[in-house]
All heavy atoms as atom14 arrays in JSON, in Angstrom:
{
  "sequence": "KNETRPFNGWIVGTGYAEAVLSDGAISLAELDQT",
  "atom14_mask": [
    [1, 1, 1, 1, 1, 1, 1, 1, 1, 0, 0, 0, 0, 0],
    [1, 1, 1, 1, 1, 1, 1, 1, 0, 0, 0, 0, 0, 0],
    [1, 1, 1, 1, 1, 1, 1, 1, 1, 0, 0, 0, 0, 0],
    [1, 1, 1, 1, 1, 1, 1, 0, 0, 0, 0, 0, 0, 0],
    [1, 1, 1, 1, 1, 1, 1, 1, 1, 1, 1, 0, 0, 0],
    [1, 1, 1, 1, 1, 1, 1, 0, 0, 0, 0, 0, 0, 0],
    [1, 1, 1, 1, 1, 1, 1, 1, 1, 1, 1, 0, 0, 0],
    [1, 1, 1, 1, 1, 1, 1, 1, 0, 0, 0, 0, 0, 0],
    [1, 1, 1, 1, 0, 0, 0, 0, 0, 0, 0, 0, 0, 0],
    [1, 1, 1, 1, 1, 1, 1, 1, 1, 1, 1, 1, 1, 1],
    [1, 1, 1, 1, 1, 1, 1, 1, 0, 0, 0, 0, 0, 0],
    [1, 1, 1, 1, 1, 1, 1, 0, 0, 0, 0, 0, 0, 0],
    [1, 1, 1, 1, 0, 0, 0, 0, 0, 0, 0, 0, 0, 0],
    [1, 1, 1, 1, 1, 1, 1, 0, 0, 0, 0, 0, 0, 0],
    [1, 1, 1, 1, 0, 0, 0, 0, 0, 0, 0, 0, 0, 0],
    [1, 1, 1, 1, 1, 1, 1, 1, 1, 1, 1, 1, 0, 0],
    [1, 1, 1, 1, 1, 0, 0, 0, 0, 0, 0, 0, 0, 0],
    [1, 1, 1, 1, 1, 1, 1, 1, 1, 0, 0, 0, 0, 0],
    [1, 1, 1, 1, 1, 0, 0, 0, 0, 0, 0, 0, 0, 0],
    [1, 1, 1, 1, 1, 1, 1, 0, 0, 0, 0, 0, 0, 0],
    [1, 1, 1, 1, 1, 1, 1, 1, 0, 0, 0, 0, 0, 0],
    [1, 1, 1, 1, 1, 1, 0, 0, 0, 0, 0, 0, 0, 0],
    [1, 1, 1, 1, 1, 1, 1, 1, 0, 0, 0, 0, 0, 0],
    [1, 1, 1, 1, 0, 0, 0, 0, 0, 0, 0, 0, 0, 0],
    [1, 1, 1, 1, 1, 0, 0, 0, 0, 0, 0, 0, 0, 0],
    [1, 1, 1, 1, 1, 1, 1, 1, 0, 0, 0, 0, 0, 0],
    [1, 1, 1, 1, 1, 1, 0, 0, 0, 0, 0, 0, 0, 0],
    [1, 1, 1, 1, 1, 1, 1, 1, 0, 0, 0, 0, 0, 0],
    [1, 1, 1, 1, 1, 0, 0, 0, 0, 0, 0, 0, 0, 0],
    [1, 1, 1, 1, 1, 1, 1, 1, 1, 0, 0, 0, 0, 0],
    [1, 1, 1, 1, 1, 1, 1, 1, 0, 0, 0, 0, 0, 0],
    [1, 1, 1, 1, 1, 1, 1, 1, 0, 0, 0, 0, 0, 0],
    [1, 1, 1, 1, 1, 1, 1, 1, 1, 0, 0, 0, 0, 0],
    [1, 1, 1, 1, 1, 1, 1, 0, 0, 0, 0, 0, 0, 0]
  ],
  "atom14_positions": [
    [[-12.96, 10.04, -7.29], [-14.12, 9.15, -7.1], [-13.75, 7.92, -6.27], [-14.51, 7.5, -5.39], [-14.67, 8.73, -8.47], [-15.94, 7.9, -8.4], [-16.6, 7.78, -9.77], [-15.69, 7.11, -10.78], [-16.38, 6.88, -12.08], [0.0, 0.0, 0.0], [0.0, 0.0, 0.0], [0.0, 0.0, 0.0], [0.0, 0.0, 0.0], [0.0, 0.0, 0.0]],
    [[-12.57, 7.35, -6.54], [-12.2, 6.09, -5.9], [-11.66, 6.27, -4.48], [-11.78, 5.37, -3.64], [-11.15, 5.36, -6.74], [-11.7, 4.91, -8.08], [-12.9, 4.7, -8.24], [-10.83, 4.77, -9.07], [0.0, 0.0, 0.0], [0.0, 0.0, 0.0], [0.0, 0.0, 0.0], [0.0, 0.0, 0.0], [0.0, 0.0, 0.0], [0.0, 0.0, 0.0]],
    [[-11.04, 7.4, -4.21], [-10.4, 7.58, -2.91], [-11.2, 8.48, -1.97], [-10.78, 8.73, -0.85], [-8.99, 8.16, -3.09], [-8.06, 7.26, -3.86], [-6.65, 7.85, -4.01], [-6.32, 8.78, -3.24], [-5.9, 7.38, -4.88], [0.0, 0.0, 0.0], [0.0, 0.0, 0.0], [0.0, 0.0, 0.0], [0.0, 0.0, 0.0], [0.0, 0.0, 0.0]],
    [[-12.33, 8.97, -2.43], [-13.05, 9.96, -1.64], [-13.63, 9.38, -0.35], [-14.05, 8.22, -0.29], [-14.19, 10.6, -2.46], [-14.69, 11.72, -1.74], [-15.32, 9.6, -2.7], [0.0, 0.0, 0.0], [0.0, 0.0, 0.0], [0.0, 0.0, 0.0], [0.0, 0.0, 0.0], [0.0, 0.0, 0.0], [0.0, 0.0, 0.0], [0.0, 0.0, 0.0]],
    [[-13.6, 10.21, 0.66], [-14.27, 9.92, 1.93], [-15.07, 11.18, 2.25], [-14.53, 12.13, 2.83], [-13.24, 9.67, 3.03], [-12.4, 8.41, 2.83], [-11.16, 8.47, 3.68], [-10.27, 9.56, 3.26], [-9.25, 10.02, 3.98], [-9.02, 9.53, 5.17], [-8.49, 11.0, 3.52], [0.0, 0.0, 0.0], [0.0, 0.0, 0.0], [0.0, 0.0, 0.0]],
    [[-16.34, 11.23, 1.83], [-17.12, 12.45, 2.03], [-17.0, 12.98, 3.45], [-17.08, 12.22, 4.43], [-18.55, 11.99, 1.71], [-18.36, 10.89, 0.74], [-17.12, 10.16, 1.2], [0.0, 0.0, 0.0], [0.0, 0.0, 0.0], [0.0, 0.0, 0.0], [0.0, 0.0, 0.0], [0.0, 0.0, 0.0], [0.0, 0.0, 0.0], [0.0, 0.0, 0.0]],
    [[-16.78, 14.29, 3.56], [-16.59, 14.93, 4.85], [-17.56, 16.09, 4.96], [-17.59, 16.97, 4.1], [-15.15, 15.43, 4.97], [-14.8, 15.98, 6.32], [-14.46, 15.13, 7.36], [-14.82, 17.35, 6.56], [-14.15, 15.63, 8.62], [-14.52, 17.86, 7.81], [-14.18, 17.0, 8.85], [0.0, 0.0, 0.0], [0.0, 0.0, 0.0], [0.0, 0.0, 0.0]],
    [[-18.38, 16.05, 5.99], [-19.35, 17.12, 6.21], [-20.29, 17.28, 5.01], [-20.73, 18.38, 4.68], [-18.62, 18.44, 6.5], [-19.52, 19.49, 7.1], [-20.44, 19.19, 7.87], [-19.28, 20.75, 6.75], [0.0, 0.0, 0.0], [0.0, 0.0, 0.0], [0.0, 0.0, 0.0], [0.0, 0.0, 0.0], [0.0, 0.0, 0.0], [0.0, 0.0, 0.0]],
    [[-20.57, 16.16, 4.33], [-21.48, 16.19, 3.19], [-20.83, 16.6, 1.88], [-21.51, 16.7, 0.85], [0.0, 0.0, 0.0], [0.0, 0.0, 0.0], [0.0, 0.0, 0.0], [0.0, 0.0, 0.0], [0.0, 0.0, 0.0], [0.0, 0.0, 0.0], [0.0, 0.0, 0.0], [0.0, 0.0, 0.0], [0.0, 0.0, 0.0], [0.0, 0.0, 0.0]],
    [[-19.52, 16.83, 1.89], [-18.79, 17.26, 0.7], [-17.73, 16.24, 0.29], [-17.18, 15.52, 1.13], [-18.07, 18.58, 0.97], [-18.95, 19.8, 0.99], [-19.77, 20.19, 2.02], [-19.08, 20.78, -0.03], [-20.41, 21.35, 1.69], [-19.99, 21.75, 0.43], [-18.49, 20.95, -1.29], [-20.35, 22.86, -0.32], [-18.85, 22.06, -2.04], [-19.76, 23.01, -1.56]],
    [[-17.44, 16.22, -1.0], [-16.26, 15.54, -1.52], [-15.21, 16.63, -1.75], [-15.48, 17.6, -2.46], [-16.55, 14.79, -2.83], [-17.5, 13.62, -2.57], [-15.26, 14.3, -3.48], [-17.98, 12.94, -3.84], [0.0, 0.0, 0.0], [0.0, 0.0, 0.0], [0.0, 0.0, 0.0], [0.0, 0.0, 0.0], [0.0, 0.0, 0.0], [0.0, 0.0, 0.0]],
    [[-14.07, 16.48, -1.11], [-13.04, 17.51, -1.19], [-11.77, 16.93, -1.8], [-11.28, 15.87, -1.38], [-12.72, 18.09, 0.21], [-11.6, 19.12, 0.11], [-13.97, 18.71, 0.83], [0.0, 0.0, 0.0], [0.0, 0.0, 0.0], [0.0, 0.0, 0.0], [0.0, 0.0, 0.0], [0.0, 0.0, 0.0], [0.0, 0.0, 0.0], [0.0, 0.0, 0.0]],
    [[-11.24, 17.6, -2.81], [-9.96, 17.24, -3.4], [-8.98, 18.38, -3.15], [-9.34, 19.56, -3.21], [0.0, 0.0, 0.0], [0.0, 0.0, 0.0], [0.0, 0.0, 0.0], [0.0, 0.0, 0.0], [0.0, 0.0, 0.0], [0.0, 0.0, 0.0], [0.0, 0.0, 0.0], [0.0, 0.0, 0.0], [0.0, 0.0, 0.0], [0.0, 0.0, 0.0]],
    [[-7.73, 18.07, -2.85], [-6.74, 19.11, -2.52], [-5.54, 19.03, -3.46], [-5.25, 17.98, -4.03], [-6.26, 18.95, -1.07], [-5.54, 17.72, -0.94], [-7.42, 18.96, -0.1], [0.0, 0.0, 0.0], [0.0, 0.0, 0.0], [0.0, 0.0, 0.0], [0.0, 0.0, 0.0], [0.0, 0.0, 0.0], [0.0, 0.0, 0.0], [0.0, 0.0, 0.0]],
    [[-4.86, 20.15, -3.62], [-3.6, 20.18, -4.36], [-3.73, 20.16, -5.87], [-2.77, 19.87, -6.59], [0.0, 0.0, 0.0], [0.0, 0.0, 0.0], [0.0, 0.0, 0.0], [0.0, 0.0, 0.0], [0.0, 0.0, 0.0], [0.0, 0.0, 0.0], [0.0, 0.0, 0.0], [0.0, 0.0, 0.0], [0.0, 0.0, 0.0], [0.0, 0.0, 0.0]],
    [[-4.91, 20.51, -6.38], [-5.14, 20.49, -7.83], [-4.25, 21.53, -8.54], [-4.17, 22.68, -8.13], [-6.62, 20.79, -8.11], [-6.95, 21.15, -9.54], [-6.82, 20.23, -10.56], [-7.41, 22.44, -9.86], [-7.15, 20.57, -11.88], [-7.74, 22.79, -11.17], [-7.6, 21.84, -12.17], [-7.91, 22.18, -13.47], [0.0, 0.0, 0.0], [0.0, 0.0, 0.0]],
    [[-3.6, 21.1, -9.62], [-2.77, 22.01, -10.43], [-2.96, 21.63, -11.89], [-2.51, 20.57, -12.33], [-1.3, 21.91, -10.04], [0.0, 0.0, 0.0], [0.0, 0.0, 0.0], [0.0, 0.0, 0.0], [0.0, 0.0, 0.0], [0.0, 0.0, 0.0], [0.0, 0.0, 0.0], [0.0, 0.0, 0.0], [0.0, 0.0, 0.0], [0.0, 0.0, 0.0]],
    [[-3.6, 22.5, -12.64], [-3.89, 22.19, -14.04], [-2.62, 22.06, -14.88], [-2.6, 21.35, -15.89], [-4.79, 23.26, -14.64], [-4.18, 24.65, -14.71], [-5.14, 25.68, -15.25], [-6.11, 26.03, -14.56], [-4.92, 26.14, -16.38], [0.0, 0.0, 0.0], [0.0, 0.0, 0.0], [0.0, 0.0, 0.0], [0.0, 0.0, 0.0], [0.0, 0.0, 0.0]],
    [[-1.54, 22.72, -14.46], [-0.3, 22.71, -15.23], [0.29, 21.3, -15.37], [0.98, 21.01, -16.36], [0.73, 23.64, -14.59], [0.0, 0.0, 0.0], [0.0, 0.0, 0.0], [0.0, 0.0, 0.0], [0.0, 0.0, 0.0], [0.0, 0.0, 0.0], [0.0, 0.0, 0.0], [0.0, 0.0, 0.0], [0.0, 0.0, 0.0], [0.0, 0.0, 0.0]],
    [[0.01, 20.42, -14.41], [0.59, 19.08, -14.46], [-0.33, 18.09, -15.17], [0.02, 16.91, -15.29], [0.95, 18.57, -13.05], [1.92, 19.51, -12.37], [-0.3, 18.39, -12.19], [0.0, 0.0, 0.0], [0.0, 0.0, 0.0], [0.0, 0.0, 0.0], [0.0, 0.0, 0.0], [0.0, 0.0, 0.0], [0.0, 0.0, 0.0], [0.0, 0.0, 0.0]],
    [[-1.5, 18.53, -15.63], [-2.4, 17.67, -16.38], [-2.13, 17.86, -17.87], [-2.16, 18.98, -18.38], [-3.86, 17.99, -16.07], [-4.3, 17.85, -14.6], [-5.77, 18.22, -14.45], [-4.04, 16.44, -14.09], [0.0, 0.0, 0.0], [0.0, 0.0, 0.0], [0.0, 0.0, 0.0], [0.0, 0.0, 0.0], [0.0, 0.0, 0.0], [0.0, 0.0, 0.0]],
    [[-1.88, 16.78, -18.56], [-1.48, 16.88, -19.97], [-2.58, 17.42, -20.86], [-2.31, 17.97, -21.94], [-1.03, 15.5, -20.48], [-2.1, 14.56, -20.39], [0.0, 0.0, 0.0], [0.0, 0.0, 0.0], [0.0, 0.0, 0.0], [0.0, 0.0, 0.0], [0.0, 0.0, 0.0], [0.0, 0.0, 0.0], [0.0, 0.0, 0.0], [0.0, 0.0, 0.0]],
    [[-3.84, 17.28, -20.43], [-4.96, 17.74, -21.27], [-5.64, 18.98, -20.7], [-6.79, 19.29, -21.05], [-5.98, 16.62, -21.49], [-6.37, 15.89, -20.21], [-5.8, 16.21, -19.15], [-7.24, 15.02, -20.28], [0.0, 0.0, 0.0], [0.0, 0.0, 0.0], [0.0, 0.0, 0.0], [0.0, 0.0, 0.0], [0.0, 0.0, 0.0], [0.0, 0.0, 0.0]],
    [[-4.96, 19.72, -19.83], [-5.45, 21.01, -19.4], [-6.38, 21.0, -18.2], [-6.53, 19.99, -17.51], [0.0, 0.0, 0.0], [0.0, 0.0, 0.0], [0.0, 0.0, 0.0], [0.0, 0.0, 0.0], [0.0, 0.0, 0.0], [0.0, 0.0, 0.0], [0.0, 0.0, 0.0], [0.0, 0.0, 0.0], [0.0, 0.0, 0.0], [0.0, 0.0, 0.0]],
    [[-7.02, 22.14, -17.99], [-7.85, 22.37, -16.8], [-9.17, 21.62, -16.88], [-9.75, 21.45, -17.96], [-8.12, 23.86, -16.64], [0.0, 0.0, 0.0], [0.0, 0.0, 0.0], [0.0, 0.0, 0.0], [0.0, 0.0, 0.0], [0.0, 0.0, 0.0], [0.0, 0.0, 0.0], [0.0, 0.0, 0.0], [0.0, 0.0, 0.0], [0.0, 0.0, 0.0]],
    [[-9.65, 21.19, -15.73], [-10.93, 20.51, -15.65], [-12.04, 21.56, -15.72], [-11.89, 22.69, -15.27], [-11.03, 19.69, -14.35], [-12.17, 18.69, -14.43], [-11.17, 20.58, -13.14], [-12.1, 17.62, -13.39], [0.0, 0.0, 0.0], [0.0, 0.0, 0.0], [0.0, 0.0, 0.0], [0.0, 0.0, 0.0], [0.0, 0.0, 0.0], [0.0, 0.0, 0.0]],
    [[-13.16, 21.2, -16.33], [-14.27, 22.14, -16.49], [-15.41, 21.81, -15.55], [-15.5, 20.69, -15.0], [-14.78, 22.11, -17.93], [-15.42, 20.87, -18.2], [0.0, 0.0, 0.0], [0.0, 0.0, 0.0], [0.0, 0.0, 0.0], [0.0, 0.0, 0.0], [0.0, 0.0, 0.0], [0.0, 0.0, 0.0], [0.0, 0.0, 0.0], [0.0, 0.0, 0.0]],
    [[-16.3, 22.76, -15.38], [-17.49, 22.54, -14.56], [-18.33, 21.41, -15.13], [-18.85, 20.58, -14.38], [-18.31, 23.84, -14.48], [-19.62, 23.77, -13.71], [-19.38, 23.39, -12.25], [-20.37, 25.11, -13.79], [0.0, 0.0, 0.0], [0.0, 0.0, 0.0], [0.0, 0.0, 0.0], [0.0, 0.0, 0.0], [0.0, 0.0, 0.0], [0.0, 0.0, 0.0]],
    [[-18.46, 21.35, -16.45], [-19.26, 20.3, -17.09], [-18.69, 18.92, -16.79], [-19.43, 17.96, -16.52], [-19.33, 20.54, -18.59], [0.0, 0.0, 0.0], [0.0, 0.0, 0.0], [0.0, 0.0, 0.0], [0.0, 0.0, 0.0], [0.0, 0.0, 0.0], [0.0, 0.0, 0.0], [0.0, 0.0, 0.0], [0.0, 0.0, 0.0], [0.0, 0.0, 0.0]],
    [[-17.37, 18.8, -16.84], [-16.72, 17.5, -16.57], [-16.9, 17.11, -15.11], [-17.1, 15.92, -14.8], [-15.24, 17.58, -16.94], [-15.01, 17.69, -18.44], [-13.6, 18.11, -18.8], [-12.99, 18.88, -18.02], [-13.11, 17.69, -19.87], [0.0, 0.0, 0.0], [0.0, 0.0, 0.0], [0.0, 0.0, 0.0], [0.0, 0.0, 0.0], [0.0, 0.0, 0.0]],
    [[-16.84, 18.09, -14.23], [-17.01, 17.81, -12.81], [-18.47, 17.39, -12.53], [-18.72, 16.44, -11.78], [-16.66, 19.07, -12.01], [-16.25, 18.91, -10.54], [-15.11, 17.91, -10.39], [-15.84, 20.25, -9.97], [0.0, 0.0, 0.0], [0.0, 0.0, 0.0], [0.0, 0.0, 0.0], [0.0, 0.0, 0.0], [0.0, 0.0, 0.0], [0.0, 0.0, 0.0]],
    [[-19.4, 18.07, -13.18], [-20.82, 17.74, -12.99], [-21.17, 16.37, -13.54], [-22.01, 15.66, -12.99], [-21.7, 18.79, -13.68], [-21.78, 20.1, -12.9], [-21.39, 20.1, -11.72], [-22.23, 21.1, -13.48], [0.0, 0.0, 0.0], [0.0, 0.0, 0.0], [0.0, 0.0, 0.0], [0.0, 0.0, 0.0], [0.0, 0.0, 0.0], [0.0, 0.0, 0.0]],
    [[-20.53, 15.99, -14.65], [-20.82, 14.7, -15.25], [-20.43, 13.55, -14.32], [-21.14, 12.54, -14.23], [-20.07, 14.56, -16.58], [-20.42, 13.29, -17.35], [-19.76, 13.23, -18.71], [-19.0, 14.12, -19.09], [-20.04, 12.19, -19.46], [0.0, 0.0, 0.0], [0.0, 0.0, 0.0], [0.0, 0.0, 0.0], [0.0, 0.0, 0.0], [0.0, 0.0, 0.0]],
    [[-19.32, 13.71, -13.63], [-18.86, 12.67, -12.72], [-19.57, 12.73, -11.37], [-19.86, 11.71, -10.75], [-17.34, 12.79, -12.5], [-16.68, 12.8, -13.77], [-16.8, 11.62, -11.68], [0.0, 0.0, 0.0], [0.0, 0.0, 0.0], [0.0, 0.0, 0.0], [0.0, 0.0, 0.0], [0.0, 0.0, 0.0], [0.0, 0.0, 0.0], [0.0, 0.0, 0.0]]
  ]
}
């Protein structure tokens, strides 16, 4: 949210790896809420 620079109408995040997140994988509901 803080570092995004929308490109072509999209917010794009790269390099996501759920294994390095202490509380597991992100869900569609969590993504939609933000």
